[in-house]
C-alpha atoms as a PDB file:
ATOM      1  CA  MET A   1      10.450   5.793 -31.065  1.00  0.00           C
ATOM      2  CA  LYS A   2      11.320   5.708 -27.379  1.00  0.00           C
ATOM      3  CA  ARG A   3      10.850   8.927 -25.498  1.00  0.00           C
ATOM      4  CA  SER A   4      13.738  10.437 -23.588  1.00  0.00           C
ATOM      5  CA  MET A   5      13.688  10.293 -19.779  1.00  0.00           C
ATOM      6  CA  ALA A   6      13.229  14.081 -19.760  1.00  0.00           C
ATOM      7  CA  ALA A   7      10.107  13.739 -21.908  1.00  0.00           C
ATOM      8  CA  VAL A   8       8.731  11.035 -19.623  1.00  0.00           C
ATOM      9  CA  ALA A   9       9.397  13.240 -16.602  1.00  0.00           C
ATOM     10  CA  ALA A  10       7.653  16.206 -18.213  1.00  0.00           C
ATOM     11  CA  SER A  11       4.550  14.176 -19.055  1.00  0.00           C
ATOM     12  CA  ILE A  12       4.317  12.779 -15.542  1.00  0.00           C
ATOM     13  CA  LEU A  13       4.765  16.153 -13.897  1.00  0.00           C
ATOM     14  CA  ALA A  14       2.050  17.549 -16.151  1.00  0.00           C
ATOM     15  CA  LEU A  15      -0.367  15.022 -14.659  1.00  0.00           C
ATOM     16  CA  THR A  16       0.276  16.171 -11.103  1.00  0.00           C
ATOM     17  CA  ALA A  17      -2.406  18.868 -11.058  1.00  0.00           C
ATOM     18  CA  VAL A  18      -4.995  16.406 -12.377  1.00  0.00           C
ATOM     19  CA  VAL A  19      -4.136  13.744  -9.818  1.00  0.00           C
ATOM     20  CA  ALA A  20      -3.966  16.166  -6.922  1.00  0.00           C
ATOM     21  CA  ALA A  21      -7.235  17.855  -7.864  1.00  0.00           C
ATOM     22  CA  GLN A  22      -8.895  15.292  -5.614  1.00  0.00           C
ATOM     23  CA  ASP A  23      -6.999  16.805  -2.709  1.00  0.00           C
ATOM     24  CA  ILE A  24      -4.214  19.386  -2.262  1.00  0.00           C
ATOM     25  CA  PRO A  25      -1.765  19.895  -5.162  1.00  0.00           C
ATOM     26  CA  ILE A  26       1.757  18.623  -4.682  1.00  0.00           C
ATOM     27  CA  PRO A  27       4.477  21.258  -4.960  1.00  0.00           C
ATOM     28  CA  ALA A  28       6.442  20.888  -8.190  1.00  0.00           C
ATOM     29  CA  GLY A  29       9.660  20.433  -6.213  1.00  0.00           C
ATOM     30  CA  ARG A  30       8.231  17.473  -4.321  1.00  0.00           C
ATOM     31  CA  ALA A  31       6.865  15.922  -7.516  1.00  0.00           C
ATOM     32  CA  LYS A  32      10.382  16.205  -8.934  1.00  0.00           C
ATOM     33  CA  GLN A  33      11.811  14.489  -5.830  1.00  0.00           C
ATOM     34  CA  ILE A  34       9.371  11.613  -6.234  1.00  0.00           C
ATOM     35  CA  PHE A  35      10.244  11.219  -9.899  1.00  0.00           C
ATOM     36  CA  GLU A  36      13.985  11.259  -9.257  1.00  0.00           C
ATOM     37  CA  ALA A  37      13.698   8.699  -6.428  1.00  0.00           C
ATOM     38  CA  THR A  38      11.640   6.304  -8.546  1.00  0.00           C
ATOM     39  CA  PRO A  39      13.423   3.323 -10.162  1.00  0.00           C
ATOM     40  CA  THR A  40      14.205   3.704 -13.857  1.00  0.00           C
ATOM     41  CA  LYS A  41      12.988   0.226 -14.732  1.00  0.00           C
ATOM     42  CA  ALA A  42      10.831  -2.542 -13.354  1.00  0.00           C
ATOM     43  CA  ARG A  43      12.350  -5.520 -11.560  1.00  0.00           C
ATOM     44  CA  VAL A  44      10.886  -7.838 -14.202  1.00  0.00           C
ATOM     45  CA  LYS A  45       9.452  -7.194 -17.649  1.00  0.00           C
ATOM     46  CA  PRO A  46       5.627  -7.203 -17.668  1.00  0.00           C
ATOM     47  CA  ALA A  47       4.206 -10.299 -19.336  1.00  0.00           C
ATOM     48  CA  LYS A  48       1.636  -8.055 -21.032  1.00  0.00           C
ATOM     49  CA  MET A  49       0.164  -4.588 -20.755  1.00  0.00           C
ATOM     50  CA  ARG A  50      -0.937  -4.163 -17.131  1.00  0.00           C
ATOM     51  CA  ARG A  51      -3.602  -1.785 -15.792  1.00  0.00           C
ATOM     52  CA  VAL A  52      -3.634  -0.812 -12.122  1.00  0.00           C
ATOM     53  CA  LEU A  53      -6.270   1.138 -10.202  1.00  0.00           C
ATOM     54  CA  ILE A  54      -5.033   3.622  -7.589  1.00  0.00           C
ATOM     55  CA  PHE A  55      -8.010   4.063  -5.298  1.00  0.00           C
ATOM     56  CA  ASN A  56      -8.283   7.165  -3.113  1.00  0.00           C
ATOM     57  CA  THR A  57     -10.753   8.088  -0.372  1.00  0.00           C
ATOM     58  CA  PRO A  58     -14.098   9.100  -1.942  1.00  0.00           C
ATOM     59  CA  LYS A  59     -15.008  12.778  -1.622  1.00  0.00           C
ATOM     60  CA  HIS A  60     -17.920  12.190   0.752  1.00  0.00           C
ATOM     61  CA  LEU A  61     -15.550  10.515   3.246  1.00  0.00           C
ATOM     62  CA  LEU A  62     -12.688  13.013   3.069  1.00  0.00           C
ATOM     63  CA  LYS A  63     -13.885  15.048   6.052  1.00  0.00           C
ATOM     64  CA  ARG A  64     -12.903  12.239   8.411  1.00  0.00           C
ATOM     65  CA  ASP A  65      -9.869  11.041   6.464  1.00  0.00           C
ATOM     66  CA  PRO A  66      -6.821  11.534   8.758  1.00  0.00           C
ATOM     67  CA  HIS A  67      -4.501  11.764   5.747  1.00  0.00           C
ATOM     68  CA  LYS A  68      -6.401  14.155   3.485  1.00  0.00           C
ATOM     69  CA  GLY A  69      -4.203  16.858   2.049  1.00  0.00           C
ATOM     70  CA  TYR A  70      -1.200  15.217   3.629  1.00  0.00           C
ATOM     71  CA  CYS A  71       0.324  11.957   2.455  1.00  0.00           C
ATOM     72  CA  THR A  72      -2.501  10.793   0.173  1.00  0.00           C
ATOM     73  CA  PRO A  73      -1.759  13.130  -2.759  1.00  0.00           C
ATOM     74  CA  TYR A  74       1.931  12.251  -2.455  1.00  0.00           C
ATOM     75  CA  GLY A  75       1.102   8.548  -2.432  1.00  0.00           C
ATOM     76  CA  CYS A  76      -1.140   8.880  -5.463  1.00  0.00           C
ATOM     77  CA  GLU A  77       1.564  10.738  -7.357  1.00  0.00           C
ATOM     78  CA  ALA A  78       4.205   8.169  -6.410  1.00  0.00           C
ATOM     79  CA  MET A  79       2.060   5.217  -7.478  1.00  0.00           C
ATOM     80  CA  LYS A  80       1.379   6.885 -10.837  1.00  0.00           C
ATOM     81  CA  VAL A  81       5.056   7.650 -11.403  1.00  0.00           C
ATOM     82  CA  LEU A  82       6.092   4.083 -10.518  1.00  0.00           C
ATOM     83  CA  GLY A  83       3.954   2.796 -13.353  1.00  0.00           C
ATOM     84  CA  LYS A  84       4.634   5.518 -15.913  1.00  0.00           C
ATOM     85  CA  LYS A  85       8.383   5.877 -15.475  1.00  0.00           C
ATOM     86  CA  THR A  86       9.183   2.163 -15.412  1.00  0.00           C
ATOM     87  CA  GLY A  87       6.499   0.978 -17.816  1.00  0.00           C
ATOM     88  CA  ALA A  88       5.469  -1.700 -15.315  1.00  0.00           C
ATOM     89  CA  TYR A  89       1.791  -0.773 -15.531  1.00  0.00           C
ATOM     90  CA  GLU A  90      -0.714   1.816 -16.685  1.00  0.00           C
ATOM     91  CA  PRO A  91      -1.913   3.705 -13.579  1.00  0.00           C
ATOM     92  CA  VAL A  92      -5.520   4.893 -13.299  1.00  0.00           C
ATOM     93  CA  ALA A  93      -6.481   7.003 -10.267  1.00  0.00           C
ATOM     94  CA  SER A  94     -10.059   7.188  -9.000  1.00  0.00           C
ATOM     95  CA  ASP A  95     -12.042   8.063  -5.876  1.00  0.00           C
ATOM     96  CA  ASP A  96     -15.343   6.684  -7.251  1.00  0.00           C
ATOM     97  CA  ALA A  97     -16.301   3.387  -5.582  1.00  0.00           C
ATOM     98  CA  SER A  98     -18.453   2.417  -8.565  1.00  0.00           C
ATOM     99  CA  VAL A  99     -15.154   1.404 -10.174  1.00  0.00           C
ATOM    100  CA  PHE A 100     -15.505  -1.785  -8.096  1.00  0.00           C
ATOM    101  CA  LEU A 101     -18.579  -2.899 -10.026  1.00  0.00           C
ATOM    102  CA  PRO A 102     -17.782  -6.115 -11.943  1.00  0.00           C
ATOM    103  CA  ASP A 103     -17.491  -4.737 -15.487  1.00  0.00           C
ATOM    104  CA  SER A 104     -15.162  -1.942 -14.397  1.00  0.00           C
ATOM    105  CA  LEU A 105     -13.062  -3.957 -11.962  1.00  0.00           C
ATOM    106  CA  ALA A 106     -12.494  -6.636 -14.600  1.00  0.00           C
ATOM    107  CA  THR A 107     -10.399  -4.152 -16.598  1.00  0.00           C
ATOM    108  CA  PHE A 108      -7.717  -3.976 -13.877  1.00  0.00           C
ATOM    109  CA  ASP A 109      -4.927  -6.408 -13.013  1.00  0.00           C
ATOM    110  CA  ALA A 110      -4.503  -5.010  -9.507  1.00  0.00           C
ATOM    111  CA  VAL A 111      -5.776  -2.340  -7.114  1.00  0.00           C
ATOM    112  CA  ILE A 112      -3.627  -0.100  -4.916  1.00  0.00           C
ATOM    113  CA  PHE A 113      -5.493   1.253  -1.896  1.00  0.00           C
ATOM    114  CA  ASN A 114      -3.735   4.592  -1.412  1.00  0.00           C
ATOM    115  CA  ASN A 115      -4.456   5.095   2.290  1.00  0.00           C
ATOM    116  CA  ALA A 116      -8.135   4.970   1.236  1.00  0.00           C
ATOM    117  CA  ALA A 117     -10.153   5.545   4.411  1.00  0.00           C
ATOM    118  CA  GLY A 118     -13.695   5.112   5.658  1.00  0.00           C
ATOM    119  CA  ASP A 119     -16.501   2.739   4.711  1.00  0.00           C
ATOM    120  CA  TRP A 120     -16.064   3.313   0.996  1.00  0.00           C
ATOM    121  CA  ILE A 121     -17.685  -0.032   0.165  1.00  0.00           C
ATOM    122  CA  THR A 122     -21.039   1.470   1.255  1.00  0.00           C
ATOM    123  CA  PRO A 123     -22.435   3.351  -1.765  1.00  0.00           C
ATOM    124  CA  THR A 124     -23.875   6.835  -1.608  1.00  0.00           C
ATOM    125  CA  GLU A 125     -27.470   7.562  -2.597  1.00  0.00           C
ATOM    126  CA  GLU A 126     -26.054   9.366  -5.628  1.00  0.00           C
ATOM    127  CA  MET A 127     -24.275   6.193  -6.745  1.00  0.00           C
ATOM    128  CA  VAL A 128     -27.433   4.140  -6.208  1.00  0.00           C
ATOM    129  CA  LYS A 129     -29.434   6.503  -8.413  1.00  0.00           C
ATOM    130  CA  LYS A 130     -26.735   6.395 -11.069  1.00  0.00           C
ATOM    131  CA  VAL A 131     -26.750   2.600 -11.161  1.00  0.00           C
ATOM    132  CA  GLY A 132     -30.556   2.449 -11.187  1.00  0.00           C
ATOM    133  CA  ASN A 133     -32.324  -0.820 -12.072  1.00  0.00           C
ATOM    134  CA  GLY A 134     -34.097  -0.866  -8.705  1.00  0.00           C
ATOM    135  CA  ALA A 135     -30.865  -0.853  -6.728  1.00  0.00           C
ATOM    136  CA  THR A 136     -30.842   0.071  -3.047  1.00  0.00           C
ATOM    137  CA  VAL A 137     -27.924   1.007  -0.803  1.00  0.00           C
ATOM    138  CA  ALA A 138     -27.995  -2.486   0.715  1.00  0.00           C
ATOM    139  CA  SER A 139     -28.260  -4.367  -2.577  1.00  0.00           C
ATOM    140  CA  LEU A 140     -25.557  -2.308  -4.265  1.00  0.00           C
ATOM    141  CA  GLU A 141     -23.211  -2.692  -1.302  1.00  0.00           C
ATOM    142  CA  ALA A 142     -23.703  -6.456  -1.451  1.00  0.00           C
ATOM    143  CA  LYS A 143     -22.932  -6.375  -5.174  1.00  0.00           C
ATOM    144  CA  LEU A 144     -19.746  -4.359  -4.641  1.00  0.00           C
ATOM    145  CA  LYS A 145     -18.537  -6.724  -1.919  1.00  0.00           C
ATOM    146  CA  LYS A 146     -19.161  -9.786  -4.061  1.00  0.00           C
ATOM    147  CA  SER A 147     -17.454  -8.118  -7.011  1.00  0.00           C
ATOM    148  CA  VAL A 148     -14.258  -7.411  -5.053  1.00  0.00           C
ATOM    149  CA  LYS A 149     -14.210 -10.873  -3.488  1.00  0.00           C
ATOM    150  CA  ASP A 150     -14.806 -12.729  -6.766  1.00  0.00           C
ATOM    151  CA  TRP A 151     -12.271 -10.586  -8.645  1.00  0.00           C
ATOM    152  CA  LEU A 152      -9.537 -11.186  -6.059  1.00  0.00           C
ATOM    153  CA  ARG A 153     -10.210 -14.899  -5.673  1.00  0.00           C
ATOM    154  CA  ALA A 154     -10.071 -15.285  -9.453  1.00  0.00           C
ATOM    155  CA  GLY A 155      -6.378 -14.370  -9.511  1.00  0.00           C
ATOM    156  CA  HIS A 156      -5.962 -10.601  -9.407  1.00  0.00           C
ATOM    157  CA  GLY A 157      -3.968  -8.613  -6.852  1.00  0.00           C
ATOM    158  CA  VAL A 158      -4.315  -5.973  -4.148  1.00  0.00           C
ATOM    159  CA  VAL A 159      -1.752  -3.660  -2.594  1.00  0.00           C
ATOM    160  CA  THR A 160      -2.296  -1.405   0.365  1.00  0.00           C
ATOM    161  CA  TYR A 161      -0.149   0.505   2.765  1.00  0.00           C
ATOM    162  CA  HIS A 162      -0.525   2.201   6.111  1.00  0.00           C
ATOM    163  CA  PHE A 163      -4.115   3.274   6.880  1.00  0.00           C
ATOM    164  CA  GLY A 164      -5.622   1.553   3.858  1.00  0.00           C
ATOM    165  CA  LEU A 165      -5.986  -1.478   6.108  1.00  0.00           C
ATOM    166  CA  GLY A 166      -8.219   0.531   8.455  1.00  0.00           C
ATOM    167  CA  ALA A 167     -11.037   1.042   5.941  1.00  0.00           C
ATOM    168  CA  ASN A 168     -14.406  -0.716   5.865  1.00  0.00           C
ATOM    169  CA  ARG A 169     -14.462  -1.613   9.544  1.00  0.00           C
ATOM    170  CA  LYS A 170     -17.960  -3.077   9.253  1.00  0.00           C
ATOM    171  CA  TRP A 171     -16.892  -5.423   6.442  1.00  0.00           C
ATOM    172  CA  LYS A 172     -15.285  -8.449   8.079  1.00  0.00           C
ATOM    173  CA  GLU A 173     -13.941  -9.941   4.864  1.00  0.00           C
ATOM    174  CA  PHE A 174     -11.926  -6.827   4.081  1.00  0.00           C
ATOM    175  CA  GLY A 175      -9.638  -7.640   7.006  1.00  0.00           C
ATOM    176  CA  GLU A 176      -9.522 -11.269   5.900  1.00  0.00           C
ATOM    177  CA  PHE A 177      -8.347 -10.259   2.431  1.00  0.00           C
ATOM    178  CA  PHE A 178      -5.306  -8.550   3.921  1.00  0.00           C
ATOM    179  CA  GLY A 179      -4.792 -10.769   6.950  1.00  0.00           C
ATOM    180  CA  ALA A 180      -5.067  -8.151   9.705  1.00  0.00           C
ATOM    181  CA  ARG A 181      -6.788  -5.139  11.191  1.00  0.00           C
ATOM    182  CA  ILE A 182      -5.205  -2.042  12.741  1.00  0.00           C
ATOM    183  CA  ALA A 183      -4.980  -1.786  16.531  1.00  0.00           C
ATOM    184  CA  GLY A 184      -3.660   1.752  16.933  1.00  0.00           C
ATOM    185  CA  HIS A 185      -0.319   3.452  16.301  1.00  0.00           C
ATOM    186  CA  PRO A 186       1.793   3.441  19.471  1.00  0.00           C
ATOM    187  CA  TRP A 187       4.822   4.994  17.779  1.00  0.00           C
ATOM    188  CA  ASN A 188       5.514   7.962  15.521  1.00  0.00           C
ATOM    189  CA  THR A 189       9.264   8.232  15.549  1.00  0.00           C
ATOM    190  CA  ALA A 190      12.441   6.750  14.100  1.00  0.00           C
ATOM    191  CA  VAL A 191      12.273   2.961  14.362  1.00  0.00           C
ATOM    192  CA  GLY A 192      14.535   0.087  13.443  1.00  0.00           C
ATOM    193  CA  VAL A 193      13.239  -2.407  10.897  1.00  0.00           C
ATOM    194  CA  THR A 194      14.236  -6.059  10.714  1.00  0.00           C
ATOM    195  CA  VAL A 195      14.390  -7.641   7.269  1.00  0.00           C
ATOM    196  CA  GLU A 196      13.075 -11.071   8.201  1.00  0.00           C
ATOM    197  CA  GLU A 197      14.046 -12.963   5.080  1.00  0.00           C
ATOM    198  CA  PRO A 198      16.926 -11.158   3.338  1.00  0.00           C
ATOM    199  CA  GLY A 199      16.838 -13.479   0.333  1.00  0.00           C
ATOM    200  CA  HIS A 200      13.153 -13.005  -0.447  1.00  0.00           C
ATOM    201  CA  PRO A 201      12.650 -11.380  -3.892  1.00  0.00           C
ATOM    202  CA  LEU A 202      10.381  -8.673  -2.463  1.00  0.00           C
ATOM    203  CA  LEU A 203      13.116  -7.548  -0.079  1.00  0.00           C
ATOM    204  CA  ALA A 204      15.846  -6.986  -2.666  1.00  0.00           C
ATOM    205  CA  ALA A 205      15.419  -3.210  -2.307  1.00  0.00           C
ATOM    206  CA  PHE A 206      17.058  -3.340   1.126  1.00  0.00           C
ATOM    207  CA  GLY A 207      20.201  -5.152   0.042  1.00  0.00           C
ATOM    208  CA  GLY A 208      19.936  -7.813   2.728  1.00  0.00           C
ATOM    209  CA  LYS A 209      20.261  -5.272   5.535  1.00  0.00           C
ATOM    210  CA  GLY A 210      17.979  -4.026   8.287  1.00  0.00           C
ATOM    211  CA  PHE A 211      17.315  -0.294   8.287  1.00  0.00           C
ATOM    212  CA  TRP A 212      15.831   2.690  10.104  1.00  0.00           C
ATOM    213  CA  ILE A 213      12.872   4.816   9.073  1.00  0.00           C
ATOM    214  CA  ARG A 214      10.807   7.574  10.657  1.00  0.00           C
ATOM    215  CA  GLU A 215       7.129   6.612  10.535  1.00  0.00           C
ATOM    216  CA  GLU A 216       3.818   6.429  12.341  1.00  0.00           C
ATOM    217  CA  VAL A 217       3.774   2.729  13.157  1.00  0.00           C
ATOM    218  CA  PHE A 218       0.731   0.540  13.684  1.00  0.00           C
ATOM    219  CA  GLN A 219       0.341  -2.675  15.590  1.00  0.00           C
ATOM    220  CA  TYR A 220      -2.114  -5.236  14.217  1.00  0.00           C
ATOM    221  CA  ARG A 221      -4.896  -7.391  15.625  1.00  0.00           C
ATOM    222  CA  GLU A 222      -6.901 -10.379  14.438  1.00  0.00           C
ATOM    223  CA  PRO A 223      -7.091 -11.907  11.966  1.00  0.00           C
ATOM    224  CA  PHE A 224      -3.311 -11.318  11.931  1.00  0.00           C
ATOM    225  CA  ASP A 225      -1.488 -14.594  12.439  1.00  0.00           C
ATOM    226  CA  ARG A 226       2.053 -15.404  11.317  1.00  0.00           C
ATOM    227  CA  ALA A 227       0.849 -18.883  10.548  1.00  0.00           C
ATOM    228  CA  LYS A 228      -1.350 -17.441   7.779  1.00  0.00           C
ATOM    229  CA  VAL A 229       0.871 -14.794   6.159  1.00  0.00           C
ATOM    230  CA  ARG A 230       4.514 -14.550   5.085  1.00  0.00           C
ATOM    231  CA  VAL A 231       5.987 -11.725   7.156  1.00  0.00           C
ATOM    232  CA  LEU A 232       8.666  -9.737   5.320  1.00  0.00           C
ATOM    233  CA  LEU A 233       9.506  -6.886   7.707  1.00  0.00           C
ATOM    234  CA  SER A 234       9.009  -6.315  11.427  1.00  0.00           C
ATOM    235  CA  LEU A 235       9.893  -3.832  14.132  1.00  0.00           C
ATOM    236  CA  ASP A 236      13.129  -4.426  15.986  1.00  0.00           C
ATOM    237  CA  ASN A 237      11.889  -4.255  19.579  1.00  0.00           C
ATOM    238  CA  ASP A 238      15.264  -3.067  20.858  1.00  0.00           C
ATOM    239  CA  THR A 239      14.735   0.205  18.973  1.00  0.00           C
ATOM    240  CA  ILE A 240      11.276   1.095  20.323  1.00  0.00           C
ATOM    241  CA  ASP A 241       9.670   2.046  23.630  1.00  0.00           C
ATOM    242  CA  LEU A 242       7.678  -0.933  24.861  1.00  0.00           C
ATOM    243  CA  ASN A 243       6.229   1.118  27.710  1.00  0.00           C
ATOM    244  CA  VAL A 244       4.244   3.568  25.609  1.00  0.00           C
ATOM    245  CA  LYS A 245       1.206   5.019  27.349  1.00  0.00           C
ATOM    246  CA  ASN A 246      -2.395   4.889  26.111  1.00  0.00           C
ATOM    247  CA  TYR A 247      -1.855   1.664  24.165  1.00  0.00           C
ATOM    248  CA  ARG A 248      -2.247  -1.950  25.076  1.00  0.00           C
ATOM    249  CA  LEU A 249       0.497  -3.645  23.129  1.00  0.00           C
ATOM    250  CA  ARG A 250       0.292  -7.136  21.715  1.00  0.00           C
ATOM    251  CA  GLU A 251       1.171  -9.656  24.402  1.00  0.00           C
ATOM    252  CA  ASP A 252       3.475 -11.507  22.017  1.00  0.00           C
ATOM    253  CA  LYS A 253       5.310  -8.259  21.175  1.00  0.00           C
ATOM    254  CA  ASP A 254       5.233  -9.303  17.522  1.00  0.00           C
ATOM    255  CA  PHE A 255       5.007  -6.120  15.459  1.00  0.00           C
ATOM    256  CA  ALA A 256       4.978  -7.107  11.799  1.00  0.00           C
ATOM    257  CA  LEU A 257       5.380  -4.287   9.259  1.00  0.00           C
ATOM    258  CA  ALA A 258       4.927  -5.969   5.880  1.00  0.00           C
ATOM    259  CA  TRP A 259       3.715  -9.300   4.559  1.00  0.00           C
ATOM    260  CA  VAL A 260       2.297 -11.185   1.586  1.00  0.00           C
ATOM    261  CA  LYS A 261      -0.417 -13.783   1.362  1.00  0.00           C
ATOM    262  CA  THR A 262      -2.913 -15.281  -1.026  1.00  0.00           C
ATOM    263  CA  TYR A 263      -6.695 -15.152  -1.106  1.00  0.00           C
ATOM    264  CA  GLY A 264      -8.034 -17.844  -3.377  1.00  0.00           C
ATOM    265  CA  ARG A 265      -5.817 -17.422  -6.446  1.00  0.00           C
ATOM    266  CA  GLY A 266      -5.386 -13.723  -5.651  1.00  0.00           C
ATOM    267  CA  ARG A 267      -2.183 -12.051  -4.469  1.00  0.00           C
ATOM    268  CA  VAL A 268      -2.057  -9.704  -1.466  1.00  0.00           C
ATOM    269  CA  PHE A 269       0.719  -7.277  -0.452  1.00  0.00           C
ATOM    270  CA  TYR A 270       0.595  -5.059   2.627  1.00  0.00           C
ATOM    271  CA  ALA A 271       3.211  -2.702   4.061  1.00  0.00           C
ATOM    272  CA  GLU A 272       3.109  -0.252   6.946  1.00  0.00           C
ATOM    273  CA  PHE A 273       4.960   2.689   5.419  1.00  0.00           C
ATOM    274  CA  GLY A 274       2.873   5.547   4.067  1.00  0.00           C
ATOM    275  CA  HIS A 275       2.084   8.153   6.724  1.00  0.00           C
ATOM    276  CA  ARG A 276       4.922  10.600   6.296  1.00  0.00           C
ATOM    277  CA  THR A 277       5.281  12.428   2.996  1.00  0.00           C
ATOM    278  CA  GLU A 278       9.017  11.741   2.746  1.00  0.00           C
ATOM    279  CA  THR A 279       8.191   8.041   2.462  1.00  0.00           C
ATOM    280  CA  TYR A 280       7.239   8.733  -1.149  1.00  0.00           C
ATOM    281  CA  TRP A 281      10.672   9.950  -2.169  1.00  0.00           C
ATOM    282  CA  ASN A 282      12.577   7.230  -0.302  1.00  0.00           C
ATOM    283  CA  PRO A 283      14.250   5.207  -3.106  1.00  0.00           C
ATOM    284  CA  ALA A 284      14.340   1.907  -1.192  1.00  0.00           C
ATOM    285  CA  ILE A 285      10.664   2.134  -0.190  1.00  0.00           C
ATOM    286  CA  LEU A 286       9.621   3.041  -3.741  1.00  0.00           C
ATOM    287  CA  GLN A 287      11.546   0.053  -5.112  1.00  0.00           C
ATOM    288  CA  PHE A 288       9.961  -2.155  -2.447  1.00  0.00           C
ATOM    289  CA  TYR A 289       6.494  -0.919  -3.403  1.00  0.00           C
ATOM    290  CA  LEU A 290       7.128  -1.321  -7.120  1.00  0.00           C
ATOM    291  CA  ASP A 291       8.202  -4.910  -6.503  1.00  0.00           C
ATOM    292  CA  GLY A 292       5.089  -5.454  -4.375  1.00  0.00           C
ATOM    293  CA  ILE A 293       2.898  -4.094  -7.159  1.00  0.00           C
ATOM    294  CA  GLN A 294       4.592  -6.324  -9.721  1.00  0.00           C
ATOM    295  CA  PHE A 295       3.923  -9.266  -7.416  1.00  0.00           C
ATOM    296  CA  ALA A 296       0.244  -8.289  -7.072  1.00  0.00           C
ATOM    297  CA  ILE A 297      -0.057  -7.904 -10.848  1.00  0.00           C
ATOM    298  CA  GLY A 298       1.356 -11.381 -11.352  1.00  0.00           C
ATOM    299  CA  ASP A 299       4.646 -10.543 -13.068  1.00  0.00           C
ATOM    300  CA  LEU A 300       7.012 -11.072 -10.118  1.00  0.00           C
ATOM    301  CA  LYS A 301       6.716 -14.612  -8.769  1.00  0.00           C
ATOM    302  CA  VAL A 302       7.565 -14.904  -5.068  1.00  0.00           C
ATOM    303  CA  PRO A 303       7.000 -17.325  -2.184  1.00  0.00           C
ATOM    304  CA  THR A 304       3.817 -16.467  -0.256  1.00  0.00           C
ATOM    305  CA  GLU A 305       3.299 -19.434   2.039  1.00  0.00           C
ATOM    306  CA  PRO A 306       3.889 -18.825   5.780  1.00  0.00           C
ATOM    307  CA  ARG A 307       7.543 -19.316   6.659  1.00  0.00           C
ATOM    308  CA  PRO A 308       8.453 -21.772   9.449  1.00  0.00           C
ATOM    309  CA  ALA A 309      10.133 -20.183  12.471  1.00  0.00           C
ATOM    310  CA  GLY A 310      13.906 -20.092  12.064  1.00  0.00           C
ATOM    311  CA  ALA A 311      13.754 -20.802   8.327  1.00  0.00           C
ATOM    312  CA  ALA A 312      15.780 -17.679   7.562  1.00  0.00           C
ATOM    313  CA  LYS A 313      18.283 -15.610   9.501  1.00  0.00           C
ATOM    314  CA  PRO A 314      16.853 -12.080   9.843  1.00  0.00           C
ATOM    315  CA  ALA A 315      18.876  -8.953   9.163  1.00  0.00           C
ATOM    316  CA  ARG A 316      18.505  -6.552  12.078  1.00  0.00           C
ATOM    317  CA  PRO A 317      19.029  -2.786  11.794  1.00  0.00           C
ATOM    318  CA  PRO A 318      22.102  -0.961  13.120  1.00  0.00           C
ATOM    319  CA  LYS A 319      21.890  -0.232  16.845  1.00  0.00           C
ATOM    320  CA  GLU A 320      21.709   3.505  16.245  1.00  0.00           C
ATOM    321  CA  PRO A 321      19.709   5.428  13.623  1.00  0.00           C
ATOM    322  CA  PRO A 322      21.521   7.456  10.961  1.00  0.00           C
ATOM    323  CA  ALA A 323      22.263  11.075  11.834  1.00  0.00           C
ATOM    324  CA  ASP A 324      19.324  12.495   9.868  1.00  0.00           C
ATOM    325  CA  LEU A 325      16.852  10.403  11.883  1.00  0.00           C
ATOM    326  CA  ARG A 326      18.164  11.180  15.332  1.00  0.00           C
ATOM    327  CA  LYS A 327      16.073  13.239  17.707  1.00  0.00           C
ATOM    328  CA  GLY A 328      15.736  16.829  16.639  1.00  0.00           C
ATOM    329  CA  LYS A 329      16.720  16.161  13.010  1.00  0.00           C
END
């Protein structure tokens, strides 16, 4: 017998304290906002039961996590609700990096890096002792790296947003998986977003229109290259200050915000949005992320090859932000 939407909501809200125990609990009112903003059904029906890991910053790295107690518990809640409410996937949250060992990782169709920060690929001494069998920090780290690489290349998927791309700075291949590294956040304000390919399936949430959002916005450095990823969203430069102090902006003034790519047979989705808590009760962004997750899982088939310049007419945002995003609002 199918459960009523009220019953589904109650079960999800009951999980909030468990999820947030890794950080600061989410107020019940905010959890309700997230639930109500979440789509009622998935874009496409899952081909089979899907299992998705929501990976959070490990406890030993939280001290230096810029998002601890802020957007990370909201993001974790939202990613759980997206799966539970729509039935698109079974969400499993963890902050234990041993979940990336081969036998464990093999049980997941995709991984969502929920603003996970720090060098989490480097195991703790505690993890090394737990694994045993003569393992060392160096040997176990090498095993974890190989596990993630092999799993992704074999045809699984990864999703990350905002600062998740800034993790594992000493691990070169981590940036190669996602196609970029962070080069600072020059803006934290209302910005206009260009929908670069309005007809792309992953952009259906925006109805073919550019839009405004208030966010902390990164620019990206190598290995970012439009010739190697399919850019979905980008900053509209007419809506931002290109003379910001304390940052050396990209010479090409190309500020991509979201893209997809492949790695081997694996599927990769990255999007900028995820710093501000209200992002996680923005219906359009939640739909966009659900679609991105379904792509990473393998249920939503979309073009991923780099798009030739001029192949699609972009949809730019309105010249002025909506009233609720104007200065002082």
